[in-house]
Amino acid sequence: MSHAKPAPKDGLTKFQRYRRTQADKGMKLLRVWVPDPTRPEFAKEAARQGRLLRGRPEEAEALAFIEAAFSCGYE
């Protein structure tokens, strides 16, 4: 006795249907490579960039952006 759902007649996989639904909502799939924060080089580079910003007007701008990003109702 199988409890599996019958396959939909559209021939699409669950993921293909999901992507199509999202596209129909006006969403776009975006894949992007980002630095891996678990690598030692990441922390070293972040510290280097932080030192470059220290005391500059861009530092206040960057901190304001970070604060705004983290205060978007997730408190």
Protein backbone atom coordinates (compact mmCIF):
# COMPACT_ATOMS: atom_id res chain seq x y z
CA MET A 1 0.00 0.00 0.00
CA SER A 2 1.65 3.23 -1.17
CA HIS A 3 1.05 6.56 0.52
CA ALA A 4 2.87 8.56 -2.15
CA LYS A 5 0.96 11.32 -3.87
CA PRO A 6 0.28 10.76 -7.55
CA ALA A 7 2.57 12.70 -9.87
CA PRO A 8 1.05 15.93 -11.19
CA LYS A 9 0.03 15.87 -14.82
CA ASP A 10 2.17 18.90 -15.73
CA GLY A 11 5.34 16.78 -15.68
CA LEU A 12 7.19 19.29 -13.51
CA THR A 13 9.11 18.51 -10.35
CA LYS A 14 8.17 20.09 -7.04
CA PHE A 15 11.08 22.53 -7.42
CA GLN A 16 10.20 23.46 -10.99
CA ARG A 17 6.63 24.20 -9.90
CA TYR A 18 7.91 26.29 -6.99
CA ARG A 19 10.24 28.29 -9.25
CA ARG A 20 7.44 28.86 -11.75
CA THR A 21 5.10 30.03 -8.97
CA GLN A 22 7.72 32.44 -7.68
CA ALA A 23 8.37 33.76 -11.20
CA ASP A 24 4.63 34.27 -11.66
CA LYS A 25 4.72 36.42 -8.50
CA GLY A 26 7.38 38.60 -10.10
CA MET A 27 10.31 37.04 -8.24
CA LYS A 28 13.64 36.23 -9.88
CA LEU A 29 16.02 33.47 -8.81
CA LEU A 30 19.45 34.89 -8.08
CA ARG A 31 22.56 32.85 -7.42
CA VAL A 32 25.58 34.67 -6.17
CA TRP A 33 28.96 33.70 -4.79
CA VAL A 34 29.84 35.44 -1.53
CA PRO A 35 32.89 35.29 0.71
CA ASP A 36 32.83 32.40 3.19
CA PRO A 37 32.72 33.96 6.70
CA THR A 38 34.07 30.76 8.26
CA ARG A 39 37.46 31.09 6.55
CA PRO A 40 40.29 32.75 8.47
CA GLU A 41 40.98 35.10 5.54
CA PHE A 42 37.48 36.53 5.88
CA ALA A 43 38.06 37.78 9.44
CA LYS A 44 41.46 39.15 8.46
CA GLU A 45 40.04 41.05 5.49
CA ALA A 46 37.06 42.34 7.52
CA ALA A 47 39.46 43.67 10.16
CA ARG A 48 41.61 45.31 7.46
CA GLN A 49 38.61 47.03 5.90
CA GLY A 50 37.38 48.09 9.33
CA ARG A 51 40.72 49.76 10.04
CA LEU A 52 40.51 51.60 6.71
CA LEU A 53 37.06 52.96 7.61
CA ARG A 54 37.81 53.95 11.19
CA GLY A 55 37.17 57.67 11.69
CA ARG A 56 36.06 58.31 8.12
CA PRO A 57 32.59 59.62 7.13
CA GLU A 58 31.98 56.32 5.34
CA GLU A 59 32.26 54.53 8.71
CA ALA A 60 29.18 56.33 10.06
CA GLU A 61 27.32 55.60 6.82
CA ALA A 62 28.22 51.90 6.97
CA LEU A 63 27.25 51.62 10.64
CA ALA A 64 23.93 53.38 9.99
CA PHE A 65 23.21 50.95 7.16
CA ILE A 66 24.00 47.94 9.35
CA GLU A 67 21.85 49.29 12.18
CA ALA A 68 18.94 49.94 9.82
CA ALA A 69 19.28 46.44 8.33
CA PHE A 70 19.12 44.84 11.75
CA SER A 71 16.23 46.95 13.02
CA CYS A 72 13.74 45.99 10.31
CA GLY A 73 11.22 44.65 12.81
CA TYR A 74 13.20 41.59 13.87
CA GLU A 75 13.61 42.69 17.47
